[in-house]
C-alpha atoms as a PDB file:
ATOM      1  CA  UNK A   1      20.092   1.437 -24.286  1.00  0.00           C
ATOM      2  CA  UNK A   2      16.715   1.594 -22.543  1.00  0.00           C
ATOM      3  CA  UNK A   3      15.488  -1.594 -24.239  1.00  0.00           C
ATOM      4  CA  UNK A   4      18.698  -3.372 -23.215  1.00  0.00           C
ATOM      5  CA  UNK A   5      18.135  -2.422 -19.591  1.00  0.00           C
ATOM      6  CA  UNK A   6      14.552  -3.694 -19.743  1.00  0.00           C
ATOM      7  CA  UNK A   7      15.762  -6.988 -21.195  1.00  0.00           C
ATOM      8  CA  UNK A   8      18.353  -7.406 -18.456  1.00  0.00           C
ATOM      9  CA  UNK A   9      15.740  -6.765 -15.775  1.00  0.00           C
ATOM     10  CA  UNK A  10      13.350  -9.209 -17.421  1.00  0.00           C
ATOM     11  CA  UNK A  11      16.003 -11.944 -17.655  1.00  0.00           C
ATOM     12  CA  UNK A  12      16.978 -11.446 -14.022  1.00  0.00           C
ATOM     13  CA  UNK A  13      13.360 -11.673 -12.909  1.00  0.00           C
ATOM     14  CA  UNK A  14      12.776 -14.772 -15.022  1.00  0.00           C
ATOM     15  CA  UNK A  15      15.871 -16.437 -13.566  1.00  0.00           C
ATOM     16  CA  UNK A  16      14.693 -15.720 -10.036  1.00  0.00           C
ATOM     17  CA  UNK A  17      11.227 -17.083 -10.818  1.00  0.00           C
ATOM     18  CA  UNK A  18      12.630 -20.253 -12.418  1.00  0.00           C
ATOM     19  CA  UNK A  19      14.982 -20.937  -9.544  1.00  0.00           C
ATOM     20  CA  UNK A  20      12.078 -20.786  -7.093  1.00  0.00           C
ATOM     21  CA  UNK A  21      14.348 -19.409  -4.380  1.00  0.00           C
ATOM     22  CA  UNK A  22      15.849 -16.168  -3.255  1.00  0.00           C
ATOM     23  CA  UNK A  23      19.560 -15.485  -3.184  1.00  0.00           C
ATOM     24  CA  UNK A  24      21.627 -17.022  -0.401  1.00  0.00           C
ATOM     25  CA  UNK A  25      23.066 -13.555   0.119  1.00  0.00           C
ATOM     26  CA  UNK A  26      21.037 -11.912   2.869  1.00  0.00           C
ATOM     27  CA  UNK A  27      19.643  -8.474   1.976  1.00  0.00           C
ATOM     28  CA  UNK A  28      20.650  -5.508   4.079  1.00  0.00           C
ATOM     29  CA  UNK A  29      19.443  -1.944   4.465  1.00  0.00           C
ATOM     30  CA  UNK A  30      22.658  -0.375   3.159  1.00  0.00           C
ATOM     31  CA  UNK A  31      22.749  -2.101  -0.255  1.00  0.00           C
ATOM     32  CA  UNK A  32      20.292  -1.616  -3.094  1.00  0.00           C
ATOM     33  CA  UNK A  33      18.734  -5.038  -3.626  1.00  0.00           C
ATOM     34  CA  UNK A  34      17.829  -6.639  -6.940  1.00  0.00           C
ATOM     35  CA  UNK A  35      15.490  -9.376  -8.158  1.00  0.00           C
ATOM     36  CA  UNK A  36      17.469 -12.162  -6.492  1.00  0.00           C
ATOM     37  CA  UNK A  37      15.578 -11.354  -3.285  1.00  0.00           C
ATOM     38  CA  UNK A  38      12.163 -11.800  -4.865  1.00  0.00           C
ATOM     39  CA  UNK A  39      10.761 -14.918  -3.177  1.00  0.00           C
ATOM     40  CA  UNK A  40       7.381 -15.260  -4.915  1.00  0.00           C
ATOM     41  CA  UNK A  41       5.166 -13.735  -7.551  1.00  0.00           C
ATOM     42  CA  UNK A  42       1.360 -13.618  -7.621  1.00  0.00           C
ATOM     43  CA  UNK A  43       0.019 -13.818 -11.169  1.00  0.00           C
ATOM     44  CA  UNK A  44      -3.493 -13.679 -12.639  1.00  0.00           C
ATOM     45  CA  UNK A  45      -4.573 -10.505 -10.830  1.00  0.00           C
ATOM     46  CA  UNK A  46      -6.421  -7.555 -12.387  1.00  0.00           C
ATOM     47  CA  UNK A  47      -4.814  -4.182 -11.708  1.00  0.00           C
ATOM     48  CA  UNK A  48      -3.672  -4.821  -8.112  1.00  0.00           C
ATOM     49  CA  UNK A  49      -3.335  -1.485  -6.312  1.00  0.00           C
ATOM     50  CA  UNK A  50      -2.866  -2.392  -2.646  1.00  0.00           C
ATOM     51  CA  UNK A  51      -1.905  -5.249  -0.328  1.00  0.00           C
ATOM     52  CA  UNK A  52      -2.719  -5.734   3.347  1.00  0.00           C
ATOM     53  CA  UNK A  53      -1.312  -8.606   5.421  1.00  0.00           C
ATOM     54  CA  UNK A  54      -3.528 -10.288   8.022  1.00  0.00           C
ATOM     55  CA  UNK A  55      -1.168 -11.803  10.622  1.00  0.00           C
ATOM     56  CA  UNK A  56      -3.874 -13.737  12.457  1.00  0.00           C
ATOM     57  CA  UNK A  57      -4.965 -15.621   9.327  1.00  0.00           C
ATOM     58  CA  UNK A  58      -1.506 -15.488   7.710  1.00  0.00           C
ATOM     59  CA  UNK A  59      -2.844 -14.243   4.370  1.00  0.00           C
ATOM     60  CA  UNK A  60      -2.550 -11.232   2.113  1.00  0.00           C
ATOM     61  CA  UNK A  61      -5.557  -9.284   0.890  1.00  0.00           C
ATOM     62  CA  UNK A  62      -5.028  -7.736  -2.552  1.00  0.00           C
ATOM     63  CA  UNK A  63      -7.247  -4.905  -3.852  1.00  0.00           C
ATOM     64  CA  UNK A  64      -7.837  -5.146  -7.613  1.00  0.00           C
ATOM     65  CA  UNK A  65      -9.027  -2.230  -9.751  1.00  0.00           C
ATOM     66  CA  UNK A  66     -10.098  -4.659 -12.506  1.00  0.00           C
ATOM     67  CA  UNK A  67     -10.425  -1.801 -14.989  1.00  0.00           C
ATOM     68  CA  UNK A  68     -11.103   1.796 -14.074  1.00  0.00           C
ATOM     69  CA  UNK A  69     -10.484   3.277 -10.638  1.00  0.00           C
ATOM     70  CA  UNK A  70     -14.046   4.640 -10.478  1.00  0.00           C
ATOM     71  CA  UNK A  71     -17.466   3.952 -11.917  1.00  0.00           C
ATOM     72  CA  UNK A  72     -17.265   0.443 -13.365  1.00  0.00           C
ATOM     73  CA  UNK A  73     -18.509  -1.500 -10.294  1.00  0.00           C
ATOM     74  CA  UNK A  74     -16.300  -4.557 -10.867  1.00  0.00           C
ATOM     75  CA  UNK A  75     -13.429  -4.244  -8.398  1.00  0.00           C
ATOM     76  CA  UNK A  76     -12.627  -7.089  -6.009  1.00  0.00           C
ATOM     77  CA  UNK A  77     -10.350  -8.235  -3.185  1.00  0.00           C
ATOM     78  CA  UNK A  78      -8.276 -11.409  -3.528  1.00  0.00           C
ATOM     79  CA  UNK A  79      -7.125 -13.668  -0.706  1.00  0.00           C
ATOM     80  CA  UNK A  80      -3.549 -14.869  -1.202  1.00  0.00           C
ATOM     81  CA  UNK A  81      -1.452 -17.232   0.894  1.00  0.00           C
ATOM     82  CA  UNK A  82       1.959 -16.206   2.266  1.00  0.00           C
ATOM     83  CA  UNK A  83       3.655 -18.296  -0.442  1.00  0.00           C
ATOM     84  CA  UNK A  84       1.948 -16.280  -3.183  1.00  0.00           C
ATOM     85  CA  UNK A  85      -0.744 -18.843  -4.054  1.00  0.00           C
ATOM     86  CA  UNK A  86      -4.153 -17.307  -4.771  1.00  0.00           C
ATOM     87  CA  UNK A  87      -6.629 -18.959  -2.407  1.00  0.00           C
ATOM     88  CA  UNK A  88      -9.652 -17.011  -3.665  1.00  0.00           C
ATOM     89  CA  UNK A  89      -9.424 -14.550  -6.553  1.00  0.00           C
ATOM     90  CA  UNK A  90     -12.723 -12.757  -5.867  1.00  0.00           C
ATOM     91  CA  UNK A  91     -12.889 -13.273  -2.114  1.00  0.00           C
ATOM     92  CA  UNK A  92     -14.597  -9.927  -1.480  1.00  0.00           C
ATOM     93  CA  UNK A  93     -16.886  -8.009  -3.815  1.00  0.00           C
ATOM     94  CA  UNK A  94     -19.231  -5.121  -3.265  1.00  0.00           C
ATOM     95  CA  UNK A  95     -22.922  -5.246  -2.437  1.00  0.00           C
ATOM     96  CA  UNK A  96     -25.649  -4.479  -5.033  1.00  0.00           C
ATOM     97  CA  UNK A  97     -26.275  -1.094  -3.411  1.00  0.00           C
ATOM     98  CA  UNK A  98     -22.576  -0.457  -2.713  1.00  0.00           C
ATOM     99  CA  UNK A  99     -20.413  -1.948  -5.481  1.00  0.00           C
ATOM    100  CA  UNK A 100     -16.630  -1.980  -5.391  1.00  0.00           C
ATOM    101  CA  UNK A 101     -15.340   0.260  -8.158  1.00  0.00           C
ATOM    102  CA  UNK A 102     -11.566   0.579  -7.764  1.00  0.00           C
ATOM    103  CA  UNK A 103     -10.517  -0.698  -4.322  1.00  0.00           C
ATOM    104  CA  UNK A 104      -7.235   0.637  -3.025  1.00  0.00           C
ATOM    105  CA  UNK A 105      -5.776   1.129   0.494  1.00  0.00           C
ATOM    106  CA  UNK A 106      -6.902  -1.239   3.249  1.00  0.00           C
ATOM    107  CA  UNK A 107      -6.726  -1.526   7.028  1.00  0.00           C
ATOM    108  CA  UNK A 108      -7.769  -4.115   9.610  1.00  0.00           C
ATOM    109  CA  UNK A 109      -9.538  -3.435  12.897  1.00  0.00           C
ATOM    110  CA  UNK A 110     -10.992  -6.356  14.821  1.00  0.00           C
ATOM    111  CA  UNK A 111     -12.702  -8.707  12.383  1.00  0.00           C
ATOM    112  CA  UNK A 112     -13.200  -6.058   9.699  1.00  0.00           C
ATOM    113  CA  UNK A 113     -11.140  -5.301   6.626  1.00  0.00           C
ATOM    114  CA  UNK A 114     -11.724  -1.679   5.635  1.00  0.00           C
ATOM    115  CA  UNK A 115     -11.259  -0.757   1.981  1.00  0.00           C
ATOM    116  CA  UNK A 116     -11.021   2.692   0.412  1.00  0.00           C
ATOM    117  CA  UNK A 117     -12.965   3.097  -2.823  1.00  0.00           C
ATOM    118  CA  UNK A 118     -14.063   5.817  -5.212  1.00  0.00           C
ATOM    119  CA  UNK A 119     -17.106   6.953  -3.243  1.00  0.00           C
ATOM    120  CA  UNK A 120     -16.412   5.878   0.323  1.00  0.00           C
ATOM    121  CA  UNK A 121     -15.191   3.147   2.658  1.00  0.00           C
ATOM    122  CA  UNK A 122     -16.320  -0.487   2.589  1.00  0.00           C
ATOM    123  CA  UNK A 123     -16.162  -2.888   5.507  1.00  0.00           C
ATOM    124  CA  UNK A 124     -15.811  -6.658   4.959  1.00  0.00           C
ATOM    125  CA  UNK A 125     -15.666  -9.624   7.306  1.00  0.00           C
ATOM    126  CA  UNK A 126     -12.009 -10.576   6.943  1.00  0.00           C
ATOM    127  CA  UNK A 127     -12.730 -14.248   7.696  1.00  0.00           C
ATOM    128  CA  UNK A 128     -15.503 -15.066   5.226  1.00  0.00           C
ATOM    129  CA  UNK A 129     -15.449 -12.072   2.865  1.00  0.00           C
ATOM    130  CA  UNK A 130     -19.001 -10.893   3.583  1.00  0.00           C
ATOM    131  CA  UNK A 131     -19.732  -7.245   2.781  1.00  0.00           C
ATOM    132  CA  UNK A 132     -20.713  -5.638   6.091  1.00  0.00           C
ATOM    133  CA  UNK A 133     -21.183  -1.932   5.475  1.00  0.00           C
ATOM    134  CA  UNK A 134     -20.447   1.095   3.333  1.00  0.00           C
ATOM    135  CA  UNK A 135     -19.763   4.636   4.550  1.00  0.00           C
ATOM    136  CA  UNK A 136     -20.569   7.194   1.850  1.00  0.00           C
ATOM    137  CA  UNK A 137     -18.171  10.154   1.501  1.00  0.00           C
ATOM    138  CA  UNK A 138     -20.291  11.865  -1.133  1.00  0.00           C
ATOM    139  CA  UNK A 139     -20.946  14.959   0.993  1.00  0.00           C
ATOM    140  CA  UNK A 140     -17.222  15.805   0.779  1.00  0.00           C
ATOM    141  CA  UNK A 141     -17.001  15.372  -3.007  1.00  0.00           C
ATOM    142  CA  UNK A 142     -13.815  13.327  -2.627  1.00  0.00           C
ATOM    143  CA  UNK A 143     -11.098  13.546  -5.238  1.00  0.00           C
ATOM    144  CA  UNK A 144      -9.312  10.201  -4.800  1.00  0.00           C
ATOM    145  CA  UNK A 145      -9.767   8.338  -1.529  1.00  0.00           C
ATOM    146  CA  UNK A 146      -6.544   6.417  -1.262  1.00  0.00           C
ATOM    147  CA  UNK A 147      -5.137   4.851   1.897  1.00  0.00           C
ATOM    148  CA  UNK A 148      -6.386   4.004   5.406  1.00  0.00           C
ATOM    149  CA  UNK A 149      -4.688   3.719   8.796  1.00  0.00           C
ATOM    150  CA  UNK A 150      -6.237   3.077  12.216  1.00  0.00           C
ATOM    151  CA  UNK A 151      -5.468   5.708  14.826  1.00  0.00           C
ATOM    152  CA  UNK A 152      -4.867   5.223  18.562  1.00  0.00           C
ATOM    153  CA  UNK A 153      -8.285   6.763  19.258  1.00  0.00           C
ATOM    154  CA  UNK A 154     -10.154   3.945  17.509  1.00  0.00           C
ATOM    155  CA  UNK A 155     -10.921   6.035  14.437  1.00  0.00           C
ATOM    156  CA  UNK A 156      -9.832   5.393  10.862  1.00  0.00           C
ATOM    157  CA  UNK A 157      -7.847   8.022   8.999  1.00  0.00           C
ATOM    158  CA  UNK A 158      -8.192   8.167   5.222  1.00  0.00           C
ATOM    159  CA  UNK A 159      -6.108  10.114   2.718  1.00  0.00           C
ATOM    160  CA  UNK A 160      -7.715  11.952  -0.197  1.00  0.00           C
ATOM    161  CA  UNK A 161      -4.991  12.509  -2.770  1.00  0.00           C
ATOM    162  CA  UNK A 162      -7.297  14.435  -5.068  1.00  0.00           C
ATOM    163  CA  UNK A 163      -8.314  16.960  -2.394  1.00  0.00           C
ATOM    164  CA  UNK A 164      -5.108  17.064  -0.331  1.00  0.00           C
ATOM    165  CA  UNK A 165      -6.955  15.989   2.811  1.00  0.00           C
ATOM    166  CA  UNK A 166      -7.041  13.428   5.582  1.00  0.00           C
ATOM    167  CA  UNK A 167     -10.467  12.392   6.878  1.00  0.00           C
ATOM    168  CA  UNK A 168     -11.293  10.974  10.290  1.00  0.00           C
ATOM    169  CA  UNK A 169     -13.978   8.276  10.360  1.00  0.00           C
ATOM    170  CA  UNK A 170     -15.506   6.974  13.591  1.00  0.00           C
ATOM    171  CA  UNK A 171     -18.407   4.615  12.858  1.00  0.00           C
ATOM    172  CA  UNK A 172     -20.603   6.601  10.433  1.00  0.00           C
ATOM    173  CA  UNK A 173     -19.244   9.963  11.543  1.00  0.00           C
ATOM    174  CA  UNK A 174     -16.830  11.390   8.952  1.00  0.00           C
ATOM    175  CA  UNK A 175     -15.010  14.722   9.150  1.00  0.00           C
ATOM    176  CA  UNK A 176     -12.065  16.451   7.514  1.00  0.00           C
ATOM    177  CA  UNK A 177      -9.230  16.052  10.028  1.00  0.00           C
ATOM    178  CA  UNK A 178      -6.584  18.091   8.236  1.00  0.00           C
ATOM    179  CA  UNK A 179      -6.530  19.898   4.912  1.00  0.00           C
ATOM    180  CA  UNK A 180      -3.438  21.713   3.701  1.00  0.00           C
ATOM    181  CA  UNK A 181      -1.540  22.232   0.482  1.00  0.00           C
ATOM    182  CA  UNK A 182       1.616  21.203   2.346  1.00  0.00           C
ATOM    183  CA  UNK A 183       0.280  17.656   2.467  1.00  0.00           C
ATOM    184  CA  UNK A 184       1.743  17.265  -0.942  1.00  0.00           C
ATOM    185  CA  UNK A 185      -1.018  15.895  -1.474  1.00  0.00           C
ATOM    186  CA  UNK A 186      -0.987  12.754   0.711  1.00  0.00           C
ATOM    187  CA  UNK A 187      -1.038   9.268  -0.737  1.00  0.00           C
ATOM    188  CA  UNK A 188      -0.001   6.621   1.803  1.00  0.00           C
ATOM    189  CA  UNK A 189      -0.530   6.904   5.550  1.00  0.00           C
ATOM    190  CA  UNK A 190       0.788   4.840   8.451  1.00  0.00           C
ATOM    191  CA  UNK A 191       0.728   5.168  12.243  1.00  0.00           C
ATOM    192  CA  UNK A 192       4.105   5.521  13.951  1.00  0.00           C
ATOM    193  CA  UNK A 193       3.357   4.133  17.411  1.00  0.00           C
ATOM    194  CA  UNK A 194       6.834   4.821  18.807  1.00  0.00           C
ATOM    195  CA  UNK A 195       6.624   8.566  18.133  1.00  0.00           C
ATOM    196  CA  UNK A 196       2.799   8.758  18.377  1.00  0.00           C
ATOM    197  CA  UNK A 197       2.203  10.302  14.974  1.00  0.00           C
ATOM    198  CA  UNK A 198       1.031   9.553  11.464  1.00  0.00           C
ATOM    199  CA  UNK A 199       3.519   9.632   8.621  1.00  0.00           C
ATOM    200  CA  UNK A 200       2.208  10.722   5.229  1.00  0.00           C
ATOM    201  CA  UNK A 201       3.716   9.687   1.899  1.00  0.00           C
ATOM    202  CA  UNK A 202       3.574  12.556  -0.607  1.00  0.00           C
ATOM    203  CA  UNK A 203       2.232  12.228  -4.134  1.00  0.00           C
ATOM    204  CA  UNK A 204       2.733  15.729  -5.498  1.00  0.00           C
ATOM    205  CA  UNK A 205       5.908  16.773  -3.673  1.00  0.00           C
ATOM    206  CA  UNK A 206       9.085  15.125  -2.361  1.00  0.00           C
ATOM    207  CA  UNK A 207       8.435  16.034   1.293  1.00  0.00           C
ATOM    208  CA  UNK A 208       7.271  13.485   3.859  1.00  0.00           C
ATOM    209  CA  UNK A 209       5.282  14.934   6.758  1.00  0.00           C
ATOM    210  CA  UNK A 210       4.412  13.791  10.261  1.00  0.00           C
ATOM    211  CA  UNK A 211       1.040  14.715  11.717  1.00  0.00           C
ATOM    212  CA  UNK A 212      -0.286  14.361  15.267  1.00  0.00           C
ATOM    213  CA  UNK A 213      -4.075  14.573  15.503  1.00  0.00           C
ATOM    214  CA  UNK A 214      -6.163  16.368  16.542  1.00  0.00           C
ATOM    215  CA  UNK A 215      -3.829  19.240  15.686  1.00  0.00           C
ATOM    216  CA  UNK A 216      -3.449  20.696  12.234  1.00  0.00           C
ATOM    217  CA  UNK A 217       0.321  21.211  12.169  1.00  0.00           C
ATOM    218  CA  UNK A 218       2.403  19.262   9.675  1.00  0.00           C
ATOM    219  CA  UNK A 219       6.037  18.543  10.456  1.00  0.00           C
ATOM    220  CA  UNK A 220       8.427  17.955   7.532  1.00  0.00           C
ATOM    221  CA  UNK A 221      10.530  14.912   8.433  1.00  0.00           C
ATOM    222  CA  UNK A 222      12.252  13.885   5.204  1.00  0.00           C
ATOM    223  CA  UNK A 223      12.799  14.944   1.615  1.00  0.00           C
ATOM    224  CA  UNK A 224      12.571  12.194  -0.949  1.00  0.00           C
ATOM    225  CA  UNK A 225      15.365  11.620  -3.433  1.00  0.00           C
ATOM    226  CA  UNK A 226      12.756  11.597  -6.206  1.00  0.00           C
ATOM    227  CA  UNK A 227      10.280  14.312  -7.170  1.00  0.00           C
ATOM    228  CA  UNK A 228       7.320  12.764  -5.369  1.00  0.00           C
ATOM    229  CA  UNK A 229       4.776  10.163  -6.459  1.00  0.00           C
ATOM    230  CA  UNK A 230       5.322   8.048  -3.366  1.00  0.00           C
ATOM    231  CA  UNK A 231       2.572   5.528  -2.750  1.00  0.00           C
ATOM    232  CA  UNK A 232       2.386   2.887  -0.015  1.00  0.00           C
ATOM    233  CA  UNK A 233       4.207   3.522   3.256  1.00  0.00           C
ATOM    234  CA  UNK A 234       4.934   1.165   6.170  1.00  0.00           C
ATOM    235  CA  UNK A 235       7.165   0.936   9.239  1.00  0.00           C
ATOM    236  CA  UNK A 236       9.470  -2.096   9.414  1.00  0.00           C
ATOM    237  CA  UNK A 237      11.896  -2.699  12.287  1.00  0.00           C
ATOM    238  CA  UNK A 238      11.681   0.964  13.224  1.00  0.00           C
ATOM    239  CA  UNK A 239      12.396   2.094   9.661  1.00  0.00           C
ATOM    240  CA  UNK A 240       9.956   3.890   7.375  1.00  0.00           C
ATOM    241  CA  UNK A 241       9.757   2.400   3.886  1.00  0.00           C
ATOM    242  CA  UNK A 242       7.799   3.876   0.986  1.00  0.00           C
ATOM    243  CA  UNK A 243       7.116   2.912  -2.619  1.00  0.00           C
ATOM    244  CA  UNK A 244       8.217   5.351  -5.321  1.00  0.00           C
ATOM    245  CA  UNK A 245       6.553   5.271  -8.726  1.00  0.00           C
ATOM    246  CA  UNK A 246       9.148   7.690 -10.104  1.00  0.00           C
ATOM    247  CA  UNK A 247      12.133   5.325  -9.962  1.00  0.00           C
ATOM    248  CA  UNK A 248      10.305   1.982  -9.458  1.00  0.00           C
ATOM    249  CA  UNK A 249      11.900   1.400  -6.077  1.00  0.00           C
ATOM    250  CA  UNK A 250      11.137   0.934  -2.426  1.00  0.00           C
ATOM    251  CA  UNK A 251      12.814   3.678  -0.406  1.00  0.00           C
ATOM    252  CA  UNK A 252      13.921   3.798   3.209  1.00  0.00           C
ATOM    253  CA  UNK A 253      13.814   7.106   5.113  1.00  0.00           C
ATOM    254  CA  UNK A 254      17.042   7.942   6.931  1.00  0.00           C
ATOM    255  CA  UNK A 255      18.521  11.139   8.345  1.00  0.00           C
ATOM    256  CA  UNK A 256      15.960  13.443   6.790  1.00  0.00           C
ATOM    257  CA  UNK A 257      16.030  11.975   3.289  1.00  0.00           C
ATOM    258  CA  UNK A 258      15.057   8.859   1.380  1.00  0.00           C
ATOM    259  CA  UNK A 259      17.064   6.443  -0.724  1.00  0.00           C
ATOM    260  CA  UNK A 260      16.148   3.322  -2.717  1.00  0.00           C
ATOM    261  CA  UNK A 261      16.919  -0.058  -1.172  1.00  0.00           C
ATOM    262  CA  UNK A 262      14.923  -2.404  -3.455  1.00  0.00           C
ATOM    263  CA  UNK A 263      14.658  -1.930  -7.219  1.00  0.00           C
ATOM    264  CA  UNK A 264      11.435  -3.453  -8.555  1.00  0.00           C
ATOM    265  CA  UNK A 265      10.405  -4.249 -12.154  1.00  0.00           C
ATOM    266  CA  UNK A 266       7.315  -2.048 -12.257  1.00  0.00           C
ATOM    267  CA  UNK A 267       5.754   1.004 -10.672  1.00  0.00           C
ATOM    268  CA  UNK A 268       4.956  -0.034  -7.085  1.00  0.00           C
ATOM    269  CA  UNK A 269       1.663   0.957  -5.481  1.00  0.00           C
ATOM    270  CA  UNK A 270       0.437   0.344  -1.898  1.00  0.00           C
ATOM    271  CA  UNK A 271       2.749  -2.206  -0.274  1.00  0.00           C
ATOM    272  CA  UNK A 272       1.911  -4.717   2.468  1.00  0.00           C
ATOM    273  CA  UNK A 273       4.310  -6.211   5.034  1.00  0.00           C
ATOM    274  CA  UNK A 274       4.307  -9.836   6.187  1.00  0.00           C
ATOM    275  CA  UNK A 275       5.241  -9.229   9.817  1.00  0.00           C
ATOM    276  CA  UNK A 276       5.803 -12.935  10.533  1.00  0.00           C
ATOM    277  CA  UNK A 277       8.435 -13.561   7.860  1.00  0.00           C
ATOM    278  CA  UNK A 278       9.887 -10.116   7.273  1.00  0.00           C
ATOM    279  CA  UNK A 279       8.700  -9.761   3.692  1.00  0.00           C
ATOM    280  CA  UNK A 280       7.045  -7.029   1.667  1.00  0.00           C
ATOM    281  CA  UNK A 281       4.390  -7.585  -1.006  1.00  0.00           C
ATOM    282  CA  UNK A 282       4.590  -5.081  -3.860  1.00  0.00           C
ATOM    283  CA  UNK A 283       1.636  -4.606  -6.258  1.00  0.00           C
ATOM    284  CA  UNK A 284       2.068  -3.346  -9.825  1.00  0.00           C
ATOM    285  CA  UNK A 285      -1.190  -2.156 -11.365  1.00  0.00           C
ATOM    286  CA  UNK A 286       0.083  -2.202 -14.949  1.00  0.00           C
ATOM    287  CA  UNK A 287       1.631  -5.679 -14.653  1.00  0.00           C
ATOM    288  CA  UNK A 288      -1.413  -7.388 -13.052  1.00  0.00           C
ATOM    289  CA  UNK A 289       1.002  -8.881 -10.550  1.00  0.00           C
ATOM    290  CA  UNK A 290       2.209  -8.740  -6.954  1.00  0.00           C
ATOM    291  CA  UNK A 291       5.792  -9.642  -6.057  1.00  0.00           C
ATOM    292  CA  UNK A 292       6.870 -10.742  -2.580  1.00  0.00           C
ATOM    293  CA  UNK A 293      10.343  -9.604  -1.539  1.00  0.00           C
ATOM    294  CA  UNK A 294      12.577 -10.600   1.320  1.00  0.00           C
ATOM    295  CA  UNK A 295      13.396  -7.740   3.677  1.00  0.00           C
ATOM    296  CA  UNK A 296      16.633  -7.408   5.634  1.00  0.00           C
ATOM    297  CA  UNK A 297      16.447  -9.847   8.531  1.00  0.00           C
ATOM    298  CA  UNK A 298      13.510 -11.686   6.978  1.00  0.00           C
ATOM    299  CA  UNK A 299      13.070 -15.326   5.970  1.00  0.00           C
ATOM    300  CA  UNK A 300      13.958 -16.617   2.522  1.00  0.00           C
END
């Protein structure tokens, strides 16, 4: 039975790819979507873990492990057009004294793309790909630096899934902002400007938490319908969406719980949202691919 299901999913995905177009039926938040709303696929990647959309340049940045998540010094960032065409496969690489090992979550402030890596945070010029700086987190013995989100105070906030922490980084000054077993531990992080809080996607528990710095209190806001292992998290049209590696779906948080609204063909990692077209880019490490999906209200 399982192999039959896999075959059906594969045939549906192939049909969507061959047609070159998404379904005429508009997706909505109430219905679980399928592969007919996949509008593009990005092939030829190497363990893509995260995607960040740059609205000013109208491109996606894709972080590629290219092997191990730590220690092999061969990770890179690709630059991909909104249609899924790879413009530059190795657009950003590390410096000789600060190599990219397994790049993952990314954030943009000003002209800099910030990238979480095994040993610290890299900064790149988002226009030409030049490596600008590296902030070493070695003093904290990080477990797995994972995702990044800018805060309203101008600082960057970085999750450490291995240590169940969130760090605050302002220039070269790094500190533990919150550390608590209730974090779950945290994987994805995003800033909720409307309610002035961060929302944390849990890896080791089903509970999503809100956190308002500089305090240390964590507010449970939703319980996932899976047992955890949520990855990327974003806010779209006032809704919180998160990637679940348990059921290979994107979930939407509603009324204190989560439910799937897009079924994807692999385990989704750190998603990126095209805010101009209303689309979400979903990376699958094991498939060496990123799929671009139409969101409710978005363009075909």
